[in-house]
Amino acid sequence: MEPSVFLQCLFEFLGTFVMILLGVGVCACTSLTKSKGQGGGWVVVTLAWGLAVMCGVLIAGPYTGAHLNPAVSIGLAAAGKFSWALVVPYIISQILGAFLAAVAIYYFYKDHFDLTVDTDTKLGVFATIPAIENMKRNFLSEVIGTFVLVLVILFMSGEGNTSEVGLGSIGALPVALLVMVIGMSLGGTTGYAINPARDFGPRLAHAFLPIKGKGSSKWRYVWVPIMGPIIGAVFAALVYWGCTLCGA
């Protein structure tokens, strides 16, 4: 029997919460002052993010296929593999999970936030910041990164692989490796949000939390990690749809 909409949303929330708790957590661990992991570097960040996604998939996979990402939900719906009626409830659950996970990380690392002076370092724990700000190119980076993510998910959830749809369709470990390689190969420009909830929820938390000397939340940039992943996911769905027609 298919889980109720409430149960599906609950597990999207829980899966996203754990994923963002661990993902934002590694950003805090490797960047905040006097953290034992300070200076851990990009390889540590990408490995931890991949494993964070794996943990979220293990939680939500049996109930939803594990989307954990509004772009994935939209992309799968555009490809005809997910109901449009569930897209908005899933997205709300994902954003809420991401927001609360970021709040939890702030209080977990509060002493370190208090000692950290640089405002971009503090914001970088919560949200993505481009290495070089060039909105058009930053947008393209997010489009391409998410295109790869969703295209692989769609092909791996196709006939001959599995009937499931979502990050969980390719298994917890393979999706962890997929996220790692995207981060290592395509993450250097923007920090690879490839997930609107991953950026928007924690950025919202940054805006609301009483972070000492936090600086700006840089809302003028937020359209990039929101619209870039959505466009990339829809483009992936169109390519997948075209390929399946050619193979029919």
C-alpha atoms as a PDB file:
ATOM      1  CA  MET A   1       0.000   0.000   0.000  1.00  0.00           C
ATOM      2  CA  GLU A   2       1.318   3.437  -0.950  1.00  0.00           C
ATOM      3  CA  PRO A   3       2.134   5.649   2.057  1.00  0.00           C
ATOM      4  CA  SER A   4      -0.225   8.540   2.760  1.00  0.00           C
ATOM      5  CA  VAL A   5       0.713  12.022   1.563  1.00  0.00           C
ATOM      6  CA  PHE A   6       1.364  13.011   5.185  1.00  0.00           C
ATOM      7  CA  LEU A   7       3.757  10.094   5.685  1.00  0.00           C
ATOM      8  CA  GLN A   8       5.564  10.836   2.428  1.00  0.00           C
ATOM      9  CA  CYS A   9       5.995  14.488   3.423  1.00  0.00           C
ATOM     10  CA  LEU A  10       7.139  13.488   6.896  1.00  0.00           C
ATOM     11  CA  PHE A  11       9.921  11.325   5.485  1.00  0.00           C
ATOM     12  CA  GLU A  12      10.914  13.960   2.924  1.00  0.00           C
ATOM     13  CA  PHE A  13      11.209  16.333   5.884  1.00  0.00           C
ATOM     14  CA  LEU A  14      13.231  13.870   7.986  1.00  0.00           C
ATOM     15  CA  GLY A  15      15.487  12.819   5.133  1.00  0.00           C
ATOM     16  CA  THR A  16      16.177  16.431   4.156  1.00  0.00           C
ATOM     17  CA  PHE A  17      16.736  17.402   7.798  1.00  0.00           C
ATOM     18  CA  VAL A  18      19.439  14.765   8.281  1.00  0.00           C
ATOM     19  CA  MET A  19      21.022  15.485   4.893  1.00  0.00           C
ATOM     20  CA  ILE A  20      21.289  19.224   5.578  1.00  0.00           C
ATOM     21  CA  LEU A  21      22.313  18.719   9.213  1.00  0.00           C
ATOM     22  CA  LEU A  22      25.330  16.710   8.063  1.00  0.00           C
ATOM     23  CA  GLY A  23      26.008  18.762   4.941  1.00  0.00           C
ATOM     24  CA  VAL A  24      25.797  22.188   6.550  1.00  0.00           C
ATOM     25  CA  GLY A  25      27.569  20.623   9.513  1.00  0.00           C
ATOM     26  CA  VAL A  26      30.670  19.820   7.461  1.00  0.00           C
ATOM     27  CA  CYS A  27      30.703  23.394   6.155  1.00  0.00           C
ATOM     28  CA  ALA A  28      30.714  24.606   9.772  1.00  0.00           C
ATOM     29  CA  CYS A  29      33.304  22.029  10.845  1.00  0.00           C
ATOM     30  CA  THR A  30      35.793  22.901   8.117  1.00  0.00           C
ATOM     31  CA  SER A  31      35.439  26.694   8.175  1.00  0.00           C
ATOM     32  CA  LEU A  32      34.569  28.068  11.623  1.00  0.00           C
ATOM     33  CA  THR A  33      37.242  29.382  13.988  1.00  0.00           C
ATOM     34  CA  LYS A  34      38.730  26.839  16.411  1.00  0.00           C
ATOM     35  CA  SER A  35      36.729  23.954  15.001  1.00  0.00           C
ATOM     36  CA  LYS A  36      38.872  20.824  15.071  1.00  0.00           C
ATOM     37  CA  GLY A  37      38.063  20.352  11.389  1.00  0.00           C
ATOM     38  CA  GLN A  38      38.979  23.896  10.348  1.00  0.00           C
ATOM     39  CA  GLY A  39      40.854  23.918   7.054  1.00  0.00           C
ATOM     40  CA  GLY A  40      39.708  20.410   6.126  1.00  0.00           C
ATOM     41  CA  GLY A  41      39.299  21.486   2.515  1.00  0.00           C
ATOM     42  CA  TRP A  42      37.093  20.815  -0.477  1.00  0.00           C
ATOM     43  CA  VAL A  43      37.644  17.061  -0.625  1.00  0.00           C
ATOM     44  CA  VAL A  44      36.342  16.685   2.936  1.00  0.00           C
ATOM     45  CA  VAL A  45      33.340  18.891   2.122  1.00  0.00           C
ATOM     46  CA  THR A  46      32.374  16.971  -1.022  1.00  0.00           C
ATOM     47  CA  LEU A  47      32.861  13.564   0.600  1.00  0.00           C
ATOM     48  CA  ALA A  48      30.731  14.563   3.577  1.00  0.00           C
ATOM     49  CA  TRP A  49      28.003  16.046   1.389  1.00  0.00           C
ATOM     50  CA  GLY A  50      27.813  12.838  -0.617  1.00  0.00           C
ATOM     51  CA  LEU A  51      27.536  10.765   2.541  1.00  0.00           C
ATOM     52  CA  ALA A  52      25.002  13.235   3.955  1.00  0.00           C
ATOM     53  CA  VAL A  53      22.818  12.650   0.901  1.00  0.00           C
ATOM     54  CA  MET A  54      23.258   8.898   1.386  1.00  0.00           C
ATOM     55  CA  CYS A  55      21.946   9.185   4.952  1.00  0.00           C
ATOM     56  CA  GLY A  56      18.926  11.171   3.788  1.00  0.00           C
ATOM     57  CA  VAL A  57      18.238   8.592   1.093  1.00  0.00           C
ATOM     58  CA  LEU A  58      18.368   5.730   3.593  1.00  0.00           C
ATOM     59  CA  ILE A  59      15.700   7.488   5.680  1.00  0.00           C
ATOM     60  CA  ALA A  60      13.302   8.667   2.976  1.00  0.00           C
ATOM     61  CA  GLY A  61      13.938   6.116   0.229  1.00  0.00           C
ATOM     62  CA  PRO A  62      11.464   3.430   1.325  1.00  0.00           C
ATOM     63  CA  TYR A  63       8.627   5.965   1.574  1.00  0.00           C
ATOM     64  CA  THR A  64       9.186   8.492  -1.228  1.00  0.00           C
ATOM     65  CA  GLY A  65      12.092   7.281  -3.328  1.00  0.00           C
ATOM     66  CA  ALA A  66      13.983  10.122  -1.592  1.00  0.00           C
ATOM     67  CA  HIS A  67      13.724  13.356  -3.543  1.00  0.00           C
ATOM     68  CA  LEU A  68      15.157  15.640  -0.810  1.00  0.00           C
ATOM     69  CA  ASN A  69      15.369  18.389  -3.420  1.00  0.00           C
ATOM     70  CA  PRO A  70      12.680  20.557  -5.102  1.00  0.00           C
ATOM     71  CA  ALA A  71      14.563  20.346  -8.404  1.00  0.00           C
ATOM     72  CA  VAL A  72      14.392  16.541  -8.282  1.00  0.00           C
ATOM     73  CA  SER A  73      10.656  16.620  -7.532  1.00  0.00           C
ATOM     74  CA  ILE A  74      10.034  19.073 -10.396  1.00  0.00           C
ATOM     75  CA  GLY A  75      12.303  17.218 -12.790  1.00  0.00           C
ATOM     76  CA  LEU A  76      10.663  13.859 -12.099  1.00  0.00           C
ATOM     77  CA  ALA A  77       7.199  15.397 -12.496  1.00  0.00           C
ATOM     78  CA  ALA A  78       8.263  16.985 -15.800  1.00  0.00           C
ATOM     79  CA  ALA A  79       9.478  13.579 -16.966  1.00  0.00           C
ATOM     80  CA  GLY A  80       6.119  12.016 -16.085  1.00  0.00           C
ATOM     81  CA  LYS A  81       7.568   9.919 -13.255  1.00  0.00           C
ATOM     82  CA  PHE A  82       6.001  11.799 -10.335  1.00  0.00           C
ATOM     83  CA  SER A  83       2.625  13.379  -9.628  1.00  0.00           C
ATOM     84  CA  TRP A  84       2.476  17.166 -10.008  1.00  0.00           C
ATOM     85  CA  ALA A  85      -0.069  17.163  -7.163  1.00  0.00           C
ATOM     86  CA  LEU A  86       2.676  16.122  -4.726  1.00  0.00           C
ATOM     87  CA  VAL A  87       5.315  18.598  -5.884  1.00  0.00           C
ATOM     88  CA  VAL A  88       4.290  21.505  -3.641  1.00  0.00           C
ATOM     89  CA  PRO A  89       3.816  19.384  -0.463  1.00  0.00           C
ATOM     90  CA  TYR A  90       7.224  17.769  -1.063  1.00  0.00           C
ATOM     91  CA  ILE A  91       8.923  21.139  -1.604  1.00  0.00           C
ATOM     92  CA  ILE A  92       7.436  22.599   1.578  1.00  0.00           C
ATOM     93  CA  SER A  93       8.634  19.550   3.541  1.00  0.00           C
ATOM     94  CA  GLN A  94      12.119  19.790   2.043  1.00  0.00           C
ATOM     95  CA  ILE A  95      12.499  23.513   2.774  1.00  0.00           C
ATOM     96  CA  LEU A  96      11.236  23.096   6.332  1.00  0.00           C
ATOM     97  CA  GLY A  97      13.661  20.235   6.957  1.00  0.00           C
ATOM     98  CA  ALA A  98      16.553  22.273   5.557  1.00  0.00           C
ATOM     99  CA  PHE A  99      15.629  25.344   7.610  1.00  0.00           C
ATOM    100  CA  LEU A 100      15.417  23.472  10.919  1.00  0.00           C
ATOM    101  CA  ALA A 101      18.631  21.564  10.234  1.00  0.00           C
ATOM    102  CA  ALA A 102      20.466  24.861   9.706  1.00  0.00           C
ATOM    103  CA  VAL A 103      19.025  26.224  12.957  1.00  0.00           C
ATOM    104  CA  ALA A 104      20.266  23.106  14.760  1.00  0.00           C
ATOM    105  CA  ILE A 105      23.769  23.522  13.312  1.00  0.00           C
ATOM    106  CA  TYR A 106      23.915  27.141  14.460  1.00  0.00           C
ATOM    107  CA  TYR A 107      23.248  26.175  18.069  1.00  0.00           C
ATOM    108  CA  PHE A 108      25.569  23.166  17.792  1.00  0.00           C
ATOM    109  CA  TYR A 109      28.457  25.401  16.639  1.00  0.00           C
ATOM    110  CA  LYS A 110      27.392  28.639  18.360  1.00  0.00           C
ATOM    111  CA  ASP A 111      30.664  29.116  20.259  1.00  0.00           C
ATOM    112  CA  HIS A 112      32.561  28.840  16.994  1.00  0.00           C
ATOM    113  CA  PHE A 113      30.215  31.210  15.179  1.00  0.00           C
ATOM    114  CA  ASP A 114      30.824  33.730  17.968  1.00  0.00           C
ATOM    115  CA  LEU A 115      34.605  33.485  17.468  1.00  0.00           C
ATOM    116  CA  THR A 116      34.472  33.662  13.664  1.00  0.00           C
ATOM    117  CA  VAL A 117      34.953  37.216  12.374  1.00  0.00           C
ATOM    118  CA  ASP A 118      34.532  36.920   8.600  1.00  0.00           C
ATOM    119  CA  THR A 119      30.894  37.381   7.573  1.00  0.00           C
ATOM    120  CA  ASP A 120      31.227  35.410   4.324  1.00  0.00           C
ATOM    121  CA  THR A 121      32.586  32.448   6.287  1.00  0.00           C
ATOM    122  CA  LYS A 122      29.503  32.528   8.494  1.00  0.00           C
ATOM    123  CA  LEU A 123      27.112  32.821   5.560  1.00  0.00           C
ATOM    124  CA  GLY A 124      29.051  30.116   3.704  1.00  0.00           C
ATOM    125  CA  VAL A 125      28.120  27.621   6.403  1.00  0.00           C
ATOM    126  CA  PHE A 126      24.453  28.144   5.592  1.00  0.00           C
ATOM    127  CA  ALA A 127      24.230  29.058   1.932  1.00  0.00           C
ATOM    128  CA  THR A 128      26.217  28.925  -1.287  1.00  0.00           C
ATOM    129  CA  ILE A 129      28.421  31.860  -2.285  1.00  0.00           C
ATOM    130  CA  PRO A 130      30.137  32.005  -5.704  1.00  0.00           C
ATOM    131  CA  ALA A 131      33.927  31.922  -5.783  1.00  0.00           C
ATOM    132  CA  ILE A 132      33.764  34.644  -8.458  1.00  0.00           C
ATOM    133  CA  GLU A 133      30.472  36.506  -8.654  1.00  0.00           C
ATOM    134  CA  ASN A 134      29.231  36.432 -12.229  1.00  0.00           C
ATOM    135  CA  MET A 135      25.500  35.838 -12.014  1.00  0.00           C
ATOM    136  CA  LYS A 136      25.068  34.521 -15.549  1.00  0.00           C
ATOM    137  CA  ARG A 137      27.953  32.079 -15.254  1.00  0.00           C
ATOM    138  CA  ASN A 138      26.976  31.142 -11.686  1.00  0.00           C
ATOM    139  CA  PHE A 139      23.472  30.407 -12.981  1.00  0.00           C
ATOM    140  CA  LEU A 140      24.896  28.244 -15.778  1.00  0.00           C
ATOM    141  CA  SER A 141      26.975  26.318 -13.229  1.00  0.00           C
ATOM    142  CA  GLU A 142      23.868  25.456 -11.219  1.00  0.00           C
ATOM    143  CA  VAL A 143      21.944  24.518 -14.368  1.00  0.00           C
ATOM    144  CA  ILE A 144      24.652  22.120 -15.554  1.00  0.00           C
ATOM    145  CA  GLY A 145      25.297  20.565 -12.135  1.00  0.00           C
ATOM    146  CA  THR A 146      21.621  19.849 -11.557  1.00  0.00           C
ATOM    147  CA  PHE A 147      21.155  18.661 -15.137  1.00  0.00           C
ATOM    148  CA  VAL A 148      23.746  15.943 -14.489  1.00  0.00           C
ATOM    149  CA  LEU A 149      22.168  15.013 -11.141  1.00  0.00           C
ATOM    150  CA  VAL A 150      18.621  14.648 -12.473  1.00  0.00           C
ATOM    151  CA  LEU A 151      19.591  13.070 -15.800  1.00  0.00           C
ATOM    152  CA  VAL A 152      21.516  10.282 -14.060  1.00  0.00           C
ATOM    153  CA  ILE A 153      18.627   9.728 -11.642  1.00  0.00           C
ATOM    154  CA  LEU A 154      16.137   9.498 -14.506  1.00  0.00           C
ATOM    155  CA  PHE A 155      18.188   7.021 -16.515  1.00  0.00           C
ATOM    156  CA  MET A 156      18.964   4.892 -13.496  1.00  0.00           C
ATOM    157  CA  SER A 157      15.287   4.793 -12.562  1.00  0.00           C
ATOM    158  CA  GLY A 158      14.297   3.759 -16.066  1.00  0.00           C
ATOM    159  CA  GLU A 159      13.313   0.376 -17.381  1.00  0.00           C
ATOM    160  CA  GLY A 160      16.036  -2.169 -16.835  1.00  0.00           C
ATOM    161  CA  ASN A 161      17.258  -0.552 -13.634  1.00  0.00           C
ATOM    162  CA  THR A 162      14.474   0.058 -11.120  1.00  0.00           C
ATOM    163  CA  SER A 163      10.868   1.219 -10.966  1.00  0.00           C
ATOM    164  CA  GLU A 164      11.572   3.647  -8.122  1.00  0.00           C
ATOM    165  CA  VAL A 165      11.930   7.385  -8.740  1.00  0.00           C
ATOM    166  CA  GLY A 166      14.061   9.758  -6.692  1.00  0.00           C
ATOM    167  CA  LEU A 167      17.588   9.810  -5.341  1.00  0.00           C
ATOM    168  CA  GLY A 168      16.875   6.431  -3.802  1.00  0.00           C
ATOM    169  CA  SER A 169      16.226   4.968  -7.238  1.00  0.00           C
ATOM    170  CA  ILE A 170      19.947   4.525  -7.827  1.00  0.00           C
ATOM    171  CA  GLY A 171      20.709   3.294  -4.323  1.00  0.00           C
ATOM    172  CA  ALA A 172      22.141   5.092  -1.320  1.00  0.00           C
ATOM    173  CA  LEU A 173      25.822   4.527  -2.123  1.00  0.00           C
ATOM    174  CA  PRO A 174      25.640   5.275  -5.863  1.00  0.00           C
ATOM    175  CA  VAL A 175      23.797   8.538  -5.225  1.00  0.00           C
ATOM    176  CA  ALA A 176      26.433   9.489  -2.651  1.00  0.00           C
ATOM    177  CA  LEU A 177      29.122   8.927  -5.293  1.00  0.00           C
ATOM    178  CA  LEU A 178      27.092  10.925  -7.834  1.00  0.00           C
ATOM    179  CA  VAL A 179      26.842  13.920  -5.497  1.00  0.00           C
ATOM    180  CA  MET A 180      30.543  13.628  -4.647  1.00  0.00           C
ATOM    181  CA  VAL A 181      31.655  13.657  -8.284  1.00  0.00           C
ATOM    182  CA  ILE A 182      29.401  16.602  -9.103  1.00  0.00           C
ATOM    183  CA  GLY A 183      30.916  18.507  -6.192  1.00  0.00           C
ATOM    184  CA  MET A 184      34.495  17.581  -7.060  1.00  0.00           C
ATOM    185  CA  SER A 185      34.096  18.282 -10.779  1.00  0.00           C
ATOM    186  CA  LEU A 186      31.486  21.050 -11.003  1.00  0.00           C
ATOM    187  CA  GLY A 187      31.330  22.563  -7.518  1.00  0.00           C
ATOM    188  CA  GLY A 188      34.257  24.962  -7.649  1.00  0.00           C
ATOM    189  CA  THR A 189      32.358  27.927  -9.082  1.00  0.00           C
ATOM    190  CA  THR A 190      29.305  28.220  -6.844  1.00  0.00           C
ATOM    191  CA  GLY A 191      29.651  25.580  -4.146  1.00  0.00           C
ATOM    192  CA  TYR A 192      27.106  23.443  -6.062  1.00  0.00           C
ATOM    193  CA  ALA A 193      23.758  24.008  -4.397  1.00  0.00           C
ATOM    194  CA  ILE A 194      22.044  21.824  -7.072  1.00  0.00           C
ATOM    195  CA  ASN A 195      19.110  21.939  -4.651  1.00  0.00           C
ATOM    196  CA  PRO A 196      16.910  25.001  -4.003  1.00  0.00           C
ATOM    197  CA  ALA A 197      15.953  23.760  -0.516  1.00  0.00           C
ATOM    198  CA  ARG A 198      19.603  23.248   0.427  1.00  0.00           C
ATOM    199  CA  ASP A 199      20.291  26.937  -0.205  1.00  0.00           C
ATOM    200  CA  PHE A 200      16.996  28.676   0.562  1.00  0.00           C
ATOM    201  CA  GLY A 201      16.181  26.938   3.868  1.00  0.00           C
ATOM    202  CA  PRO A 202      19.585  27.560   5.495  1.00  0.00           C
ATOM    203  CA  ARG A 203      19.841  31.080   4.007  1.00  0.00           C
ATOM    204  CA  LEU A 204      16.477  31.846   5.597  1.00  0.00           C
ATOM    205  CA  ALA A 205      17.811  30.485   8.891  1.00  0.00           C
ATOM    206  CA  HIS A 206      20.860  32.754   8.553  1.00  0.00           C
ATOM    207  CA  ALA A 207      18.553  35.733   8.120  1.00  0.00           C
ATOM    208  CA  PHE A 208      16.478  34.931  11.212  1.00  0.00           C
ATOM    209  CA  LEU A 209      19.077  33.588  13.642  1.00  0.00           C
ATOM    210  CA  PRO A 210      20.783  35.923  16.160  1.00  0.00           C
ATOM    211  CA  ILE A 211      24.268  35.255  14.748  1.00  0.00           C
ATOM    212  CA  LYS A 212      26.888  37.594  16.172  1.00  0.00           C
ATOM    213  CA  GLY A 213      28.183  39.924  13.440  1.00  0.00           C
ATOM    214  CA  LYS A 214      26.593  37.828  10.719  1.00  0.00           C
ATOM    215  CA  GLY A 215      26.482  40.414   7.930  1.00  0.00           C
ATOM    216  CA  SER A 216      24.221  40.170   4.894  1.00  0.00           C
ATOM    217  CA  SER A 217      22.322  37.051   3.828  1.00  0.00           C
ATOM    218  CA  LYS A 218      22.904  38.157   0.188  1.00  0.00           C
ATOM    219  CA  TRP A 219      19.348  37.686  -0.998  1.00  0.00           C
ATOM    220  CA  ARG A 220      20.159  39.249  -4.372  1.00  0.00           C
ATOM    221  CA  TYR A 221      22.016  36.027  -5.234  1.00  0.00           C
ATOM    222  CA  VAL A 222      19.302  33.622  -4.098  1.00  0.00           C
ATOM    223  CA  TRP A 223      17.630  33.316  -7.509  1.00  0.00           C
ATOM    224  CA  VAL A 224      20.753  31.528  -8.827  1.00  0.00           C
ATOM    225  CA  PRO A 225      20.597  28.431  -6.539  1.00  0.00           C
ATOM    226  CA  ILE A 226      16.806  28.357  -6.901  1.00  0.00           C
ATOM    227  CA  MET A 227      16.185  28.887 -10.597  1.00  0.00           C
ATOM    228  CA  GLY A 228      19.416  27.282 -11.835  1.00  0.00           C
ATOM    229  CA  PRO A 229      18.615  23.844 -10.366  1.00  0.00           C
ATOM    230  CA  ILE A 230      14.981  24.026 -11.471  1.00  0.00           C
ATOM    231  CA  ILE A 231      15.922  24.868 -15.071  1.00  0.00           C
ATOM    232  CA  GLY A 232      18.619  22.198 -15.057  1.00  0.00           C
ATOM    233  CA  ALA A 233      16.148  19.592 -13.780  1.00  0.00           C
ATOM    234  CA  VAL A 234      13.517  20.459 -16.391  1.00  0.00           C
ATOM    235  CA  PHE A 235      16.139  20.374 -19.144  1.00  0.00           C
ATOM    236  CA  ALA A 236      17.248  16.936 -17.923  1.00  0.00           C
ATOM    237  CA  ALA A 237      13.627  15.759 -18.037  1.00  0.00           C
ATOM    238  CA  LEU A 238      13.281  17.002 -21.637  1.00  0.00           C
ATOM    239  CA  VAL A 239      16.493  15.256 -22.703  1.00  0.00           C
ATOM    240  CA  TYR A 240      15.403  12.047 -20.983  1.00  0.00           C
ATOM    241  CA  TRP A 241      11.952  12.275 -22.580  1.00  0.00           C
ATOM    242  CA  GLY A 242      13.516  12.813 -25.996  1.00  0.00           C
ATOM    243  CA  CYS A 243      15.878   9.891 -25.554  1.00  0.00           C
ATOM    244  CA  THR A 244      13.069   7.556 -24.507  1.00  0.00           C
ATOM    245  CA  LEU A 245      11.083   8.570 -27.596  1.00  0.00           C
ATOM    246  CA  CYS A 246      14.068   7.816 -29.804  1.00  0.00           C
ATOM    247  CA  GLY A 247      14.452   4.442 -28.142  1.00  0.00           C
ATOM    248  CA  ALA A 248      10.740   3.562 -28.304  1.00  0.00           C
END
